[in-house]
PDB file of all heavy atoms in Angstrom:
ATOM      1  N   PRO A   1      11.078   6.630   3.422  1.00  0.00           N
ATOM      2  CA  PRO A   1      11.641   7.489   4.486  1.00  0.00           C
ATOM      3  C   PRO A   1      11.101   8.903   4.389  1.00  0.00           C
ATOM      4  O   PRO A   1      10.959   9.440   3.293  1.00  0.00           O
ATOM      5  CB  PRO A   1      13.150   7.457   4.185  1.00  0.00           C
ATOM      6  CG  PRO A   1      13.200   7.283   2.707  1.00  0.00           C
ATOM      7  CD  PRO A   1      12.048   6.388   2.335  1.00  0.00           C
ATOM      8  N   ARG A   2      10.813   9.496   5.520  1.00  0.00           N
ATOM      9  CA  ARG A   2      10.388  10.885   5.510  1.00  0.00           C
ATOM     10  C   ARG A   2      11.545  11.757   4.972  1.00  0.00           C
ATOM     11  O   ARG A   2      11.327  12.676   4.198  1.00  0.00           O
ATOM     12  CB  ARG A   2      10.018  11.353   6.908  1.00  0.00           C
ATOM     13  CG  ARG A   2       9.628  12.832   6.989  1.00  0.00           C
ATOM     14  CD  ARG A   2       9.242  13.221   8.384  1.00  0.00           C
ATOM     15  NE  ARG A   2       8.819  14.604   8.445  1.00  0.00           N
ATOM     16  CZ  ARG A   2       8.455  15.217   9.548  1.00  0.00           C
ATOM     17  NH1 ARG A   2       8.458  14.580  10.706  1.00  0.00           N
ATOM     18  NH2 ARG A   2       8.082  16.493   9.532  1.00  0.00           N
ATOM     19  N   VAL A   3      12.737  11.455   5.413  1.00  0.00           N
ATOM     20  CA  VAL A   3      13.925  12.124   4.924  1.00  0.00           C
ATOM     21  C   VAL A   3      14.732  11.139   4.111  1.00  0.00           C
ATOM     22  O   VAL A   3      15.192  10.126   4.639  1.00  0.00           O
ATOM     23  CB  VAL A   3      14.795  12.674   6.104  1.00  0.00           C
ATOM     24  CG1 VAL A   3      16.077  13.296   5.567  1.00  0.00           C
ATOM     25  CG2 VAL A   3      14.006  13.697   6.910  1.00  0.00           C
ATOM     26  N   LEU A   4      14.873  11.419   2.841  1.00  0.00           N
ATOM     27  CA  LEU A   4      15.587  10.511   1.943  1.00  0.00           C
ATOM     28  C   LEU A   4      17.034  10.938   1.777  1.00  0.00           C
ATOM     29  O   LEU A   4      17.327  12.140   1.591  1.00  0.00           O
ATOM     30  CB  LEU A   4      14.905  10.483   0.580  1.00  0.00           C
ATOM     31  CG  LEU A   4      15.591   9.651  -0.500  1.00  0.00           C
ATOM     32  CD1 LEU A   4      14.594   8.794  -1.257  1.00  0.00           C
ATOM     33  CD2 LEU A   4      16.358  10.563  -1.452  1.00  0.00           C
ATOM     34  N   VAL A   5      17.944   9.983   1.889  1.00  0.00           N
ATOM     35  CA  VAL A   5      19.371  10.185   1.612  1.00  0.00           C
ATOM     36  C   VAL A   5      19.812   9.005   0.743  1.00  0.00           C
ATOM     37  O   VAL A   5      19.855   7.882   1.221  1.00  0.00           O
ATOM     38  CB  VAL A   5      20.200  10.255   2.897  1.00  0.00           C
ATOM     39  CG1 VAL A   5      21.676  10.528   2.550  1.00  0.00           C
ATOM     40  CG2 VAL A   5      19.681  11.314   3.859  1.00  0.00           C
ATOM     41  N   ALA A   6      20.108   9.255  -0.515  1.00  0.00           N
ATOM     42  CA  ALA A   6      20.410   8.135  -1.422  1.00  0.00           C
ATOM     43  C   ALA A   6      21.182   8.617  -2.639  1.00  0.00           C
ATOM     44  O   ALA A   6      21.148   9.799  -2.992  1.00  0.00           O
ATOM     45  CB  ALA A   6      19.125   7.436  -1.846  1.00  0.00           C
ATOM     46  N   ARG A   7      21.841   7.644  -3.299  1.00  0.00           N
ATOM     47  CA  ARG A   7      22.460   7.943  -4.583  1.00  0.00           C
ATOM     48  C   ARG A   7      21.383   8.286  -5.605  1.00  0.00           C
ATOM     49  O   ARG A   7      20.249   7.816  -5.499  1.00  0.00           O
ATOM     50  CB  ARG A   7      23.254   6.739  -5.077  1.00  0.00           C
ATOM     51  CG  ARG A   7      24.441   6.356  -4.197  1.00  0.00           C
ATOM     52  CD  ARG A   7      25.209   5.233  -4.824  1.00  0.00           C
ATOM     53  NE  ARG A   7      26.306   4.777  -3.981  1.00  0.00           N
ATOM     54  CZ  ARG A   7      27.269   3.964  -4.390  1.00  0.00           C
ATOM     55  NH1 ARG A   7      27.253   3.492  -5.635  1.00  0.00           N
ATOM     56  NH2 ARG A   7      28.225   3.591  -3.554  1.00  0.00           N
ATOM     57  N   ALA A   8      21.733   9.077  -6.596  1.00  0.00           N
ATOM     58  CA  ALA A   8      20.767   9.521  -7.587  1.00  0.00           C
ATOM     59  C   ALA A   8      20.136   8.344  -8.326  1.00  0.00           C
ATOM     60  O   ALA A   8      18.928   8.357  -8.587  1.00  0.00           O
ATOM     61  CB  ALA A   8      21.429  10.477  -8.581  1.00  0.00           C
ATOM     62  N   ASN A   9      20.936   7.288  -8.624  1.00  0.00           N
ATOM     63  CA  ASN A   9      20.353   6.168  -9.354  1.00  0.00           C
ATOM     64  C   ASN A   9      19.346   5.396  -8.498  1.00  0.00           C
ATOM     65  O   ASN A   9      18.389   4.835  -9.005  1.00  0.00           O
ATOM     66  CB  ASN A   9      21.466   5.229  -9.825  1.00  0.00           C
ATOM     67  CG  ASN A   9      22.215   4.557  -8.693  1.00  0.00           C
ATOM     68  OD1 ASN A   9      22.494   5.185  -7.669  1.00  0.00           O
ATOM     69  ND2 ASN A   9      22.571   3.297  -8.866  1.00  0.00           N
ATOM     70  N   VAL A  10      19.551   5.392  -7.174  1.00  0.00           N
ATOM     71  CA  VAL A  10      18.588   4.745  -6.284  1.00  0.00           C
ATOM     72  C   VAL A  10      17.272   5.542  -6.216  1.00  0.00           C
ATOM     73  O   VAL A  10      16.190   4.983  -6.275  1.00  0.00           O
ATOM     74  CB  VAL A  10      19.171   4.574  -4.876  1.00  0.00           C
ATOM     75  CG1 VAL A  10      18.126   4.087  -3.877  1.00  0.00           C
ATOM     76  CG2 VAL A  10      20.360   3.606  -4.895  1.00  0.00           C
ATOM     77  N   VAL A  11      17.414   6.857  -6.135  1.00  0.00           N
ATOM     78  CA  VAL A  11      16.218   7.723  -6.098  1.00  0.00           C
ATOM     79  C   VAL A  11      15.381   7.501  -7.356  1.00  0.00           C
ATOM     80  O   VAL A  11      14.160   7.405  -7.264  1.00  0.00           O
ATOM     81  CB  VAL A  11      16.623   9.206  -5.968  1.00  0.00           C
ATOM     82  CG1 VAL A  11      15.390  10.088  -5.993  1.00  0.00           C
ATOM     83  CG2 VAL A  11      17.422   9.428  -4.700  1.00  0.00           C
ATOM     84  N   ARG A  12      16.025   7.394  -8.508  1.00  0.00           N
ATOM     85  CA  ARG A  12      15.287   7.188  -9.744  1.00  0.00           C
ATOM     86  C   ARG A  12      14.441   5.920  -9.667  1.00  0.00           C
ATOM     87  O   ARG A  12      13.261   5.908 -10.078  1.00  0.00           O
ATOM     88  CB  ARG A  12      16.259   7.117 -10.937  1.00  0.00           C
ATOM     89  CG  ARG A  12      15.580   7.048 -12.281  1.00  0.00           C
ATOM     90  CD  ARG A  12      16.598   6.954 -13.390  1.00  0.00           C
ATOM     91  NE  ARG A  12      17.417   8.139 -13.493  1.00  0.00           N
ATOM     92  CZ  ARG A  12      17.047   9.251 -14.157  1.00  0.00           C
ATOM     93  NH1 ARG A  12      15.884   9.281 -14.769  1.00  0.00           N
ATOM     94  NH2 ARG A  12      17.870  10.283 -14.217  1.00  0.00           N
ATOM     95  N   LYS A  13      15.022   4.839  -9.148  1.00  0.00           N
ATOM     96  CA  LYS A  13      14.290   3.572  -9.058  1.00  0.00           C
ATOM     97  C   LYS A  13      13.164   3.640  -8.043  1.00  0.00           C
ATOM     98  O   LYS A  13      12.048   3.150  -8.301  1.00  0.00           O
ATOM     99  CB  LYS A  13      15.265   2.464  -8.683  1.00  0.00           C
ATOM    100  CG  LYS A  13      16.326   2.173  -9.733  1.00  0.00           C
ATOM    101  CD  LYS A  13      17.351   1.165  -9.248  1.00  0.00           C
ATOM    102  CE  LYS A  13      18.433   0.909 -10.282  1.00  0.00           C
ATOM    103  NZ  LYS A  13      19.499  -0.002  -9.782  1.00  0.00           N
ATOM    104  N   VAL A  14      13.408   4.270  -6.899  1.00  0.00           N
ATOM    105  CA  VAL A  14      12.361   4.382  -5.883  1.00  0.00           C
ATOM    106  C   VAL A  14      11.209   5.241  -6.355  1.00  0.00           C
ATOM    107  O   VAL A  14      10.039   4.900  -6.166  1.00  0.00           O
ATOM    108  CB  VAL A  14      12.953   4.954  -4.583  1.00  0.00           C
ATOM    109  CG1 VAL A  14      11.849   5.215  -3.554  1.00  0.00           C
ATOM    110  CG2 VAL A  14      13.975   3.978  -3.983  1.00  0.00           C
ATOM    111  N   VAL A  15      11.531   6.357  -7.003  1.00  0.00           N
ATOM    112  CA  VAL A  15      10.467   7.239  -7.538  1.00  0.00           C
ATOM    113  C   VAL A  15       9.626   6.494  -8.560  1.00  0.00           C
ATOM    114  O   VAL A  15       8.384   6.639  -8.580  1.00  0.00           O
ATOM    115  CB  VAL A  15      11.100   8.505  -8.158  1.00  0.00           C
ATOM    116  CG1 VAL A  15      10.056   9.306  -8.955  1.00  0.00           C
ATOM    117  CG2 VAL A  15      11.695   9.387  -7.066  1.00  0.00           C
ATOM    118  N   LYS A  16      10.250   5.696  -9.389  1.00  0.00           N
ATOM    119  CA  LYS A  16       9.520   4.936 -10.392  1.00  0.00           C
ATOM    120  C   LYS A  16       8.564   3.945  -9.762  1.00  0.00           C
ATOM    121  O   LYS A  16       7.378   3.885 -10.132  1.00  0.00           O
ATOM    122  CB  LYS A  16      10.513   4.204 -11.295  1.00  0.00           C
ATOM    123  CG  LYS A  16       9.843   3.373 -12.404  1.00  0.00           C
ATOM    124  CD  LYS A  16      10.886   2.686 -13.286  1.00  0.00           C
ATOM    125  CE  LYS A  16      10.230   1.855 -14.356  1.00  0.00           C
ATOM    126  NZ  LYS A  16      11.259   1.199 -15.239  1.00  0.00           N
ATOM    127  N   VAL A  17       9.054   3.192  -8.764  1.00  0.00           N
ATOM    128  CA  VAL A  17       8.215   2.184  -8.132  1.00  0.00           C
ATOM    129  C   VAL A  17       7.102   2.816  -7.289  1.00  0.00           C
ATOM    130  O   VAL A  17       5.934   2.454  -7.391  1.00  0.00           O
ATOM    131  CB  VAL A  17       9.076   1.237  -7.275  1.00  0.00           C
ATOM    132  CG1 VAL A  17       8.204   0.282  -6.473  1.00  0.00           C
ATOM    133  CG2 VAL A  17      10.043   0.450  -8.138  1.00  0.00           C
ATOM    134  N   ALA A  18       7.481   3.775  -6.424  1.00  0.00           N
ATOM    135  CA  ALA A  18       6.494   4.417  -5.550  1.00  0.00           C
ATOM    136  C   ALA A  18       5.471   5.200  -6.333  1.00  0.00           C
ATOM    137  O   ALA A  18       4.273   5.203  -6.010  1.00  0.00           O
ATOM    138  CB  ALA A  18       7.216   5.324  -4.554  1.00  0.00           C
ATOM    139  N   GLY A  19       5.902   5.878  -7.407  1.00  0.00           N
ATOM    140  CA  GLY A  19       4.958   6.619  -8.237  1.00  0.00           C
ATOM    141  C   GLY A  19       3.956   5.703  -8.904  1.00  0.00           C
ATOM    142  O   GLY A  19       2.766   6.011  -8.997  1.00  0.00           O
ATOM    143  N   LYS A  20       4.412   4.554  -9.356  1.00  0.00           N
ATOM    144  CA  LYS A  20       3.528   3.570  -9.991  1.00  0.00           C
ATOM    145  C   LYS A  20       2.488   3.075  -8.994  1.00  0.00           C
ATOM    146  O   LYS A  20       1.304   2.956  -9.324  1.00  0.00           O
ATOM    147  CB  LYS A  20       4.341   2.408 -10.533  1.00  0.00           C
ATOM    148  CG  LYS A  20       3.514   1.310 -11.198  1.00  0.00           C
ATOM    149  CD  LYS A  20       4.409   0.193 -11.733  1.00  0.00           C
ATOM    150  CE  LYS A  20       3.607  -0.911 -12.373  1.00  0.00           C
ATOM    151  NZ  LYS A  20       4.477  -2.015 -12.893  1.00  0.00           N
ATOM    152  N   GLU A  21       2.922   2.825  -7.756  1.00  0.00           N
ATOM    153  CA  GLU A  21       1.998   2.357  -6.744  1.00  0.00           C
ATOM    154  C   GLU A  21       0.985   3.436  -6.346  1.00  0.00           C
ATOM    155  O   GLU A  21      -0.164   3.142  -6.043  1.00  0.00           O
ATOM    156  CB  GLU A  21       2.772   1.871  -5.508  1.00  0.00           C
ATOM    157  CG  GLU A  21       3.612   0.626  -5.763  1.00  0.00           C
ATOM    158  CD  GLU A  21       2.793  -0.559  -6.213  1.00  0.00           C
ATOM    159  OE1 GLU A  21       1.659  -0.753  -5.679  1.00  0.00           O
ATOM    160  OE2 GLU A  21       3.233  -1.286  -7.106  1.00  0.00           O
ATOM    161  N   ALA A  22       1.425   4.681  -6.358  1.00  0.00           N
ATOM    162  CA  ALA A  22       0.516   5.792  -6.050  1.00  0.00           C
ATOM    163  C   ALA A  22      -0.574   5.894  -7.089  1.00  0.00           C
ATOM    164  O   ALA A  22      -1.760   6.047  -6.773  1.00  0.00           O
ATOM    165  CB  ALA A  22       1.313   7.094  -5.977  1.00  0.00           C
ATOM    166  N   ARG A  23      -0.200   5.760  -8.339  1.00  0.00           N
ATOM    167  CA  ARG A  23      -1.198   5.834  -9.418  1.00  0.00           C
ATOM    168  C   ARG A  23      -2.148   4.641  -9.370  1.00  0.00           C
ATOM    169  O   ARG A  23      -3.353   4.761  -9.608  1.00  0.00           O
ATOM    170  CB  ARG A  23      -0.495   5.907 -10.787  1.00  0.00           C
ATOM    171  CG  ARG A  23       0.264   7.223 -10.986  1.00  0.00           C
ATOM    172  CD  ARG A  23       0.815   7.339 -12.386  1.00  0.00           C
ATOM    173  NE  ARG A  23       1.899   6.384 -12.636  1.00  0.00           N
ATOM    174  CZ  ARG A  23       3.161   6.580 -12.323  1.00  0.00           C
ATOM    175  NH1 ARG A  23       3.530   7.696 -11.724  1.00  0.00           N
ATOM    176  NH2 ARG A  23       4.083   5.675 -12.624  1.00  0.00           N
ATOM    177  N   ARG A  24      -1.624   3.459  -9.018  1.00  0.00           N
ATOM    178  CA  ARG A  24      -2.470   2.269  -8.876  1.00  0.00           C
ATOM    179  C   ARG A  24      -3.493   2.465  -7.774  1.00  0.00           C
ATOM    180  O   ARG A  24      -4.644   2.087  -7.888  1.00  0.00           O
ATOM    181  CB  ARG A  24      -1.608   1.047  -8.613  1.00  0.00           C
ATOM    182  CG  ARG A  24      -2.400  -0.230  -8.393  1.00  0.00           C
ATOM    183  CD  ARG A  24      -1.481  -1.405  -8.132  1.00  0.00           C
ATOM    184  NE  ARG A  24      -0.632  -1.680  -9.313  1.00  0.00           N
ATOM    185  CZ  ARG A  24       0.351  -2.569  -9.303  1.00  0.00           C
ATOM    186  NH1 ARG A  24       0.646  -3.239  -8.215  1.00  0.00           N
ATOM    187  NH2 ARG A  24       1.038  -2.778 -10.413  1.00  0.00           N
TER     188      ARG A  24
END
């Protein structure tokens, strides 16, 4: 989402997955 609205624990998981894909 361009604008993210989520619980902190969800953000942590999304950042982990999306960051990994960015590096790949």
